[in-house]
């Protein structure tokens, strides 16, 4: 496979990972993950959680794969920050009109969504993107053997070390940190650079997802919580993430129509994360499970499809609007008005 060409199968994985993230949050905000004993009705929740928990890792693996030979594009960074802000402001405005209320602290978080940290992944991802040129220089300075040695060492420290619930993880906070995202970025970059072979990745993804199911079941039985099994830094989750990435990496998409559809919808993935986890909308998820007569897993999947589809469509058009504003309005303004001001102030040699 030509790694210099755009791999749209990985953009398809980005769409799938985004849907998985919606499933995770529907269960989380819907109250299905509250600590309780192991019951037959709770098992589908564990199953869905185990097979979808790979989503964030896959998202960052894709970023590392595509970004290793690139640098920060200031237009893309400006577009990203503006997209986050505009979506947050629109939801805030609509929520206020509809009578939704939030504490003053949450109002401030809506005003500054990137800096406030109210969406941990949004803030961490932006930081990772800004730091990517230095990460790339470090990764490219290593040879293949050094890369794999370092990946193995960090795997033991960040992932294996945390299997015991009584041991604190070393700085990665169960995967909810910039440090863990940087490690996943590192793995994605190494895959791009050296393309190590992985045989039967689909079966490996299924196997390690089942191991996550088993570990979560044991924890639920003895601790009434699946918290330590359902984290991004779990070795089971990590291997399942890499295997799913490889499954799509090796997938060939030959249909021009399919490629066109993927190209249209993929840019909206980031906005979906922001929309469906908005502070105003989180309390509404519990109402999904007030529907009587259906198992919780069916409500989860149907609700996730609806939320994902609506958020994705909205996000795609917001993304197009922001790209137009940045490229056609803000970039020329910055280039012709703001940059000359700083050039005039710069001391002459």
Protein backbone atom coordinates (compact mmCIF):
# COMPACT_ATOMS: atom_id res chain seq x y z
CA UNK A 1 0.00 0.00 0.00
CA UNK A 2 1.25 3.48 -0.87
CA UNK A 3 1.46 5.31 2.44
CA UNK A 4 2.01 8.63 0.66
CA UNK A 5 -1.51 8.51 -0.79
CA UNK A 6 -4.53 9.41 1.28
CA UNK A 7 -5.90 6.27 2.89
CA UNK A 8 -9.66 6.78 2.94
CA UNK A 9 -10.18 3.49 4.74
CA UNK A 10 -8.65 5.21 7.78
CA UNK A 11 -11.09 8.09 7.35
CA UNK A 12 -13.82 5.44 7.41
CA UNK A 13 -12.31 4.19 10.67
CA UNK A 14 -12.44 7.75 11.97
CA UNK A 15 -16.18 7.78 11.30
CA UNK A 16 -16.62 4.40 13.01
CA UNK A 17 -14.51 5.52 16.00
CA UNK A 18 -16.63 8.64 16.34
CA UNK A 19 -19.79 6.53 16.39
CA UNK A 20 -18.21 4.29 19.03
CA UNK A 21 -17.47 7.36 21.16
CA UNK A 22 -21.15 8.31 20.94
CA UNK A 23 -22.12 4.80 22.12
CA UNK A 24 -19.74 5.10 25.09
CA UNK A 25 -21.17 8.44 26.12
CA UNK A 26 -24.80 7.41 25.66
CA UNK A 27 -24.16 4.62 28.19
CA UNK A 28 -22.13 6.89 30.49
CA UNK A 29 -24.44 9.90 30.56
CA UNK A 30 -27.50 7.65 30.45
CA UNK A 31 -26.49 6.18 33.79
CA UNK A 32 -25.91 2.61 32.58
CA UNK A 33 -22.37 2.47 33.99
CA UNK A 34 -23.34 3.13 37.58
CA UNK A 35 -21.62 0.61 39.93
CA UNK A 36 -23.85 -2.44 40.36
CA UNK A 37 -23.57 -6.17 40.62
CA UNK A 38 -23.12 -8.49 37.67
CA UNK A 39 -26.54 -9.24 36.19
CA UNK A 40 -27.74 -10.63 32.88
CA UNK A 41 -29.21 -7.24 31.93
CA UNK A 42 -25.88 -5.49 32.63
CA UNK A 43 -23.82 -7.83 30.43
CA UNK A 44 -24.80 -6.17 27.08
CA UNK A 45 -23.59 -2.86 28.54
CA UNK A 46 -20.21 -4.44 29.32
CA UNK A 47 -20.09 -5.97 25.83
CA UNK A 48 -20.78 -2.69 24.03
CA UNK A 49 -18.35 -0.84 26.26
CA UNK A 50 -15.58 -3.38 25.66
CA UNK A 51 -15.87 -3.33 21.86
CA UNK A 52 -16.21 0.48 21.63
CA UNK A 53 -13.61 1.60 24.22
CA UNK A 54 -10.93 1.46 21.48
CA UNK A 55 -12.42 4.53 19.79
CA UNK A 56 -10.27 7.33 21.23
CA UNK A 57 -7.06 5.34 20.74
CA UNK A 58 -7.99 4.67 17.11
CA UNK A 59 -8.73 8.35 16.55
CA UNK A 60 -5.27 9.36 17.76
CA UNK A 61 -3.54 6.47 15.95
CA UNK A 62 -4.96 7.92 12.73
CA UNK A 63 -3.65 11.37 13.65
CA UNK A 64 -0.15 10.05 14.31
CA UNK A 65 -0.22 8.08 11.05
CA UNK A 66 -1.16 11.11 8.96
CA UNK A 67 0.81 13.80 10.85
CA UNK A 68 4.31 12.29 11.20
CA UNK A 69 5.60 14.01 8.04
CA UNK A 70 3.60 17.21 8.51
CA UNK A 71 3.88 20.35 10.58
CA UNK A 72 1.28 22.60 12.20
CA UNK A 73 -0.83 24.38 9.62
CA UNK A 74 -1.85 27.66 11.26
CA UNK A 75 -4.97 27.89 9.10
CA UNK A 76 -6.04 24.40 10.17
CA UNK A 77 -5.31 25.22 13.81
CA UNK A 78 -7.31 28.45 13.59
CA UNK A 79 -10.15 26.57 11.87
CA UNK A 80 -10.10 23.91 14.59
CA UNK A 81 -10.26 26.41 17.46
CA UNK A 82 -12.98 28.45 15.74
CA UNK A 83 -15.03 25.34 14.97
CA UNK A 84 -14.90 24.30 18.63
CA UNK A 85 -15.93 27.79 19.74
CA UNK A 86 -18.73 28.27 17.20
CA UNK A 87 -20.33 24.88 17.91
CA UNK A 88 -20.17 25.52 21.66
CA UNK A 89 -21.67 29.01 21.26
CA UNK A 90 -24.49 27.77 19.01
CA UNK A 91 -25.46 25.05 21.48
CA UNK A 92 -25.29 27.58 24.31
CA UNK A 93 -27.56 30.00 22.41
CA UNK A 94 -30.09 27.33 21.42
CA UNK A 95 -30.05 25.83 24.92
CA UNK A 96 -30.69 29.23 26.48
CA UNK A 97 -33.57 29.93 24.08
CA UNK A 98 -35.09 26.53 24.92
CA UNK A 99 -34.89 27.32 28.63
CA UNK A 100 -31.95 25.12 29.58
CA UNK A 101 -29.99 26.46 32.51
CA UNK A 102 -26.46 25.79 33.67
CA UNK A 103 -24.28 26.99 36.57
CA UNK A 104 -22.15 30.10 36.00
CA UNK A 105 -19.01 27.95 35.81
CA UNK A 106 -20.46 26.01 32.88
CA UNK A 107 -21.43 29.24 31.14
CA UNK A 108 -17.80 30.33 31.25
CA UNK A 109 -16.76 26.93 29.92
CA UNK A 110 -19.03 27.47 26.92
CA UNK A 111 -17.37 30.81 26.24
CA UNK A 112 -13.87 29.27 26.26
CA UNK A 113 -14.38 25.57 25.38
CA UNK A 114 -10.78 24.90 24.30
CA UNK A 115 -9.09 26.51 27.31
CA UNK A 116 -11.60 25.53 30.01
CA UNK A 117 -10.93 21.79 29.80
CA UNK A 118 -14.66 20.96 29.98
CA UNK A 119 -14.05 18.54 27.11
CA UNK A 120 -10.84 16.79 28.11
CA UNK A 121 -10.27 15.25 24.68
CA UNK A 122 -10.82 18.52 22.82
CA UNK A 123 -8.27 20.40 24.95
CA UNK A 124 -5.76 17.51 24.95
CA UNK A 125 -6.08 17.01 21.20
CA UNK A 126 -5.44 20.69 20.44
CA UNK A 127 -2.35 20.60 22.69
CA UNK A 128 -1.18 17.42 20.95
CA UNK A 129 -1.63 19.07 17.54
CA UNK A 130 0.39 22.12 18.59
CA UNK A 131 3.16 19.89 19.97
CA UNK A 132 3.19 17.55 16.96
CA UNK A 133 6.17 19.18 15.14
CA UNK A 134 8.41 18.57 18.16
CA UNK A 135 7.04 15.06 18.60
CA UNK A 136 7.77 14.40 14.93
CA UNK A 137 11.35 15.62 15.24
CA UNK A 138 11.91 13.36 18.24
CA UNK A 139 10.36 10.30 16.57
CA UNK A 140 12.26 10.84 13.31
CA UNK A 141 15.53 11.16 15.24
CA UNK A 142 15.19 7.53 16.42
CA UNK A 143 16.02 4.50 14.36
CA UNK A 144 13.62 1.59 14.02
CA UNK A 145 15.12 -0.42 16.88
CA UNK A 146 15.07 2.57 19.24
CA UNK A 147 11.44 3.25 18.37
CA UNK A 148 10.34 -0.27 19.24
CA UNK A 149 12.42 -0.38 22.42
CA UNK A 150 10.89 2.89 23.62
CA UNK A 151 7.38 1.78 22.67
CA UNK A 152 7.90 -1.41 24.71
CA UNK A 153 9.24 0.44 27.74
CA UNK A 154 6.38 2.94 27.73
CA UNK A 155 3.90 0.09 27.26
CA UNK A 156 5.09 -1.49 30.51
CA UNK A 157 5.08 1.82 32.40
CA UNK A 158 1.84 3.27 31.03
CA UNK A 159 -0.29 0.21 30.32
CA UNK A 160 0.74 -3.04 32.05
CA UNK A 161 1.50 -1.18 35.28
CA UNK A 162 -2.12 -0.12 35.54
CA UNK A 163 -3.75 -3.55 35.34
CA UNK A 164 -3.74 -3.74 39.13
CA UNK A 165 -6.49 -1.42 40.42
CA UNK A 166 -4.48 -0.79 43.60
CA UNK A 167 -1.53 0.70 41.69
CA UNK A 168 -1.72 4.30 40.49
CA UNK A 169 -0.99 4.80 36.81
CA UNK A 170 2.16 6.76 36.04
CA UNK A 171 0.90 10.07 34.76
CA UNK A 172 -1.48 8.80 32.07
CA UNK A 173 -4.66 8.96 34.23
CA UNK A 174 -6.19 5.81 32.66
CA UNK A 175 -5.63 7.37 29.23
CA UNK A 176 -7.35 10.68 29.95
CA UNK A 177 -4.21 12.79 29.44
CA UNK A 178 -2.05 14.45 26.81
CA UNK A 179 0.78 12.09 27.77
CA UNK A 180 -1.24 9.02 26.80
CA UNK A 181 -2.41 10.67 23.56
CA UNK A 182 1.24 11.44 22.74
CA UNK A 183 2.10 7.76 23.26
CA UNK A 184 -0.71 6.65 20.93
CA UNK A 185 0.44 9.30 18.42
CA UNK A 186 3.91 7.73 18.67
CA UNK A 187 2.50 4.29 17.83
CA UNK A 188 0.57 5.65 14.84
CA UNK A 189 3.72 7.37 13.56
CA UNK A 190 5.80 4.20 13.90
CA UNK A 191 3.19 2.25 11.92
CA UNK A 192 3.47 4.86 9.16
CA UNK A 193 7.29 4.81 9.18
CA UNK A 194 7.97 1.09 9.40
CA UNK A 195 4.63 -0.60 8.61
CA UNK A 196 5.17 -3.66 10.84
CA UNK A 197 3.10 -6.66 9.73
CA UNK A 198 0.09 -7.71 11.77
CA UNK A 199 -1.58 -10.95 10.71
CA UNK A 200 -5.36 -11.42 11.13
CA UNK A 201 -5.98 -8.00 12.78
CA UNK A 202 -9.75 -8.49 12.82
CA UNK A 203 -9.45 -11.67 14.88
CA UNK A 204 -6.96 -9.96 17.23
CA UNK A 205 -9.38 -7.05 17.75
CA UNK A 206 -12.17 -9.50 18.56
CA UNK A 207 -9.93 -11.54 20.91
CA UNK A 208 -8.66 -8.59 22.96
CA UNK A 209 -12.12 -7.05 23.12
CA UNK A 210 -13.34 -10.34 24.61
CA UNK A 211 -10.45 -10.23 27.09
CA UNK A 212 -11.68 -6.77 28.08
CA UNK A 213 -15.17 -8.26 28.52
CA UNK A 214 -13.74 -10.98 30.77
CA UNK A 215 -11.67 -8.55 32.85
CA UNK A 216 -14.63 -6.20 33.22
CA UNK A 217 -16.89 -9.10 34.23
CA UNK A 218 -14.47 -10.18 36.95
CA UNK A 219 -14.16 -6.63 38.26
CA UNK A 220 -17.92 -6.19 38.21
CA UNK A 221 -18.39 -9.41 40.14
CA UNK A 222 -15.90 -8.59 42.90
CA UNK A 223 -15.86 -4.75 42.98
CA UNK A 224 -19.26 -3.84 41.45
CA UNK A 225 -17.42 -1.58 38.98
CA UNK A 226 -15.92 -1.95 35.49
CA UNK A 227 -13.94 1.28 35.81
CA UNK A 228 -10.47 -0.28 35.78
CA UNK A 229 -11.21 -2.44 32.74
CA UNK A 230 -12.76 0.34 30.67
CA UNK A 231 -9.84 2.70 30.27
CA UNK A 232 -7.81 3.66 27.22
CA UNK A 233 -4.48 2.63 28.75
CA UNK A 234 -5.50 -0.99 29.41
CA UNK A 235 -3.17 -3.36 27.50
CA UNK A 236 -6.23 -5.27 26.24
CA UNK A 237 -7.78 -2.06 24.93
CA UNK A 238 -4.48 -0.89 23.45
CA UNK A 239 -3.91 -4.11 21.47
CA UNK A 240 -7.54 -4.14 20.34
CA UNK A 241 -7.15 -0.52 19.16
CA UNK A 242 -4.03 -1.29 17.14
CA UNK A 243 -5.65 -4.39 15.65
CA UNK A 244 -8.76 -2.46 14.59
CA UNK A 245 -6.53 0.23 13.08
CA UNK A 246 -4.72 -2.44 11.03
CA UNK A 247 -8.02 -3.96 9.92
CA UNK A 248 -8.96 -0.67 8.25
CA UNK A 249 -5.41 0.18 7.19
CA UNK A 250 -5.38 -2.95 5.02
CA UNK A 251 -8.90 -2.34 3.72
CA UNK A 252 -9.07 -1.36 0.05
CA UNK A 253 -11.81 1.08 -0.98
CA UNK A 254 -12.16 1.05 -4.77
CA UNK A 255 -15.56 2.66 -5.12
CA UNK A 256 -15.40 6.31 -6.22
CA UNK A 257 -18.85 6.94 -4.71
CA UNK A 258 -17.84 5.48 -1.33
CA UNK A 259 -14.69 7.58 -1.33
CA UNK A 260 -16.73 10.69 -2.11
CA UNK A 261 -19.13 9.98 0.76
CA UNK A 262 -16.25 9.41 3.19
CA UNK A 263 -14.53 12.64 2.06
CA UNK A 264 -17.75 14.56 2.63
CA UNK A 265 -18.51 13.28 6.13
CA UNK A 266 -15.04 12.65 7.67
CA UNK A 267 -14.29 16.35 8.40
CA UNK A 268 -17.34 16.43 10.67
CA UNK A 269 -16.03 13.80 13.11
CA UNK A 270 -14.32 16.21 15.47
CA UNK A 271 -17.44 18.34 15.79
CA UNK A 272 -19.54 15.29 16.69
CA UNK A 273 -17.43 14.75 19.78
CA UNK A 274 -17.99 18.35 20.86
CA UNK A 275 -21.73 18.39 20.13
CA UNK A 276 -22.85 15.18 21.79
CA UNK A 277 -20.78 15.76 24.97
CA UNK A 278 -21.90 19.35 25.45
CA UNK A 279 -22.57 20.32 29.06
CA UNK A 280 -26.13 21.39 28.22
CA UNK A 281 -26.98 18.11 26.49
CA UNK A 282 -25.48 15.57 28.91
CA UNK A 283 -28.47 15.56 31.32
CA UNK A 284 -30.83 14.73 28.45
CA UNK A 285 -29.32 11.29 27.83
CA UNK A 286 -31.08 9.75 30.84
CA UNK A 287 -34.42 10.43 29.16
CA UNK A 288 -33.51 7.99 26.38
CA UNK A 289 -33.79 5.11 28.81
CA UNK A 290 -37.23 6.14 30.05
CA UNK A 291 -38.65 4.37 26.98
CA UNK A 292 -40.37 1.23 28.22
CA UNK A 293 -40.45 -2.20 26.61
CA UNK A 294 -37.01 -2.24 24.98
CA UNK A 295 -33.68 -3.58 26.29
CA UNK A 296 -31.15 -0.92 27.19
CA UNK A 297 -28.69 -2.09 24.51
CA UNK A 298 -31.27 -1.53 21.74
CA UNK A 299 -32.03 1.95 23.08
CA UNK A 300 -28.29 2.62 23.25
CA UNK A 301 -27.66 1.63 19.63
CA UNK A 302 -30.74 3.34 18.17
CA UNK A 303 -30.14 6.48 20.21
CA UNK A 304 -26.45 6.52 19.25
CA UNK A 305 -27.26 6.24 15.54
CA UNK A 306 -29.68 9.16 15.76
CA UNK A 307 -27.33 11.34 17.81
CA UNK A 308 -24.35 10.48 15.61
CA UNK A 309 -26.20 11.15 12.34
CA UNK A 310 -27.68 14.46 13.49
CA UNK A 311 -24.43 15.70 15.05
CA UNK A 312 -22.36 14.65 12.04
CA UNK A 313 -24.58 16.42 9.52
CA UNK A 314 -24.61 19.59 11.62
CA UNK A 315 -20.86 19.42 12.18
CA UNK A 316 -20.03 18.93 8.48
CA UNK A 317 -21.73 22.18 7.49
CA UNK A 318 -20.26 24.10 10.42
CA UNK A 319 -16.84 22.81 9.35
CA UNK A 320 -17.40 23.97 5.76
CA UNK A 321 -18.50 27.40 6.99
CA UNK A 322 -15.43 27.77 9.23
CA UNK A 323 -13.05 26.66 6.45
CA UNK A 324 -14.60 29.24 4.12
CA UNK A 325 -14.33 32.01 6.74
CA UNK A 326 -10.70 31.22 7.52
CA UNK A 327 -9.51 30.77 3.93
CA UNK A 328 -11.52 33.52 2.29
CA UNK A 329 -11.90 36.12 5.03
CA UNK A 330 -9.59 35.74 8.03
CA UNK A 331 -6.43 34.51 6.28
CA UNK A 332 -6.34 37.40 3.75
CA UNK A 333 -7.11 39.84 6.58
CA UNK A 334 -4.28 38.49 8.72
CA UNK A 335 -1.88 38.49 5.79
CA UNK A 336 -2.66 42.00 4.56
CA UNK A 337 -3.48 43.86 7.78
CA UNK A 338 -2.05 42.15 10.87
CA UNK A 339 1.23 40.65 9.62
CA UNK A 340 2.48 44.00 8.16
CA UNK A 341 1.95 45.64 11.57
CA UNK A 342 4.32 43.16 13.22
CA UNK A 343 6.79 43.44 10.34
CA UNK A 344 6.93 47.22 10.79
CA UNK A 345 7.58 46.81 14.51
CA UNK A 346 10.32 44.22 14.00
CA UNK A 347 13.80 45.74 14.41
CA UNK A 348 15.74 46.05 11.19
CA UNK A 349 19.03 44.20 10.87
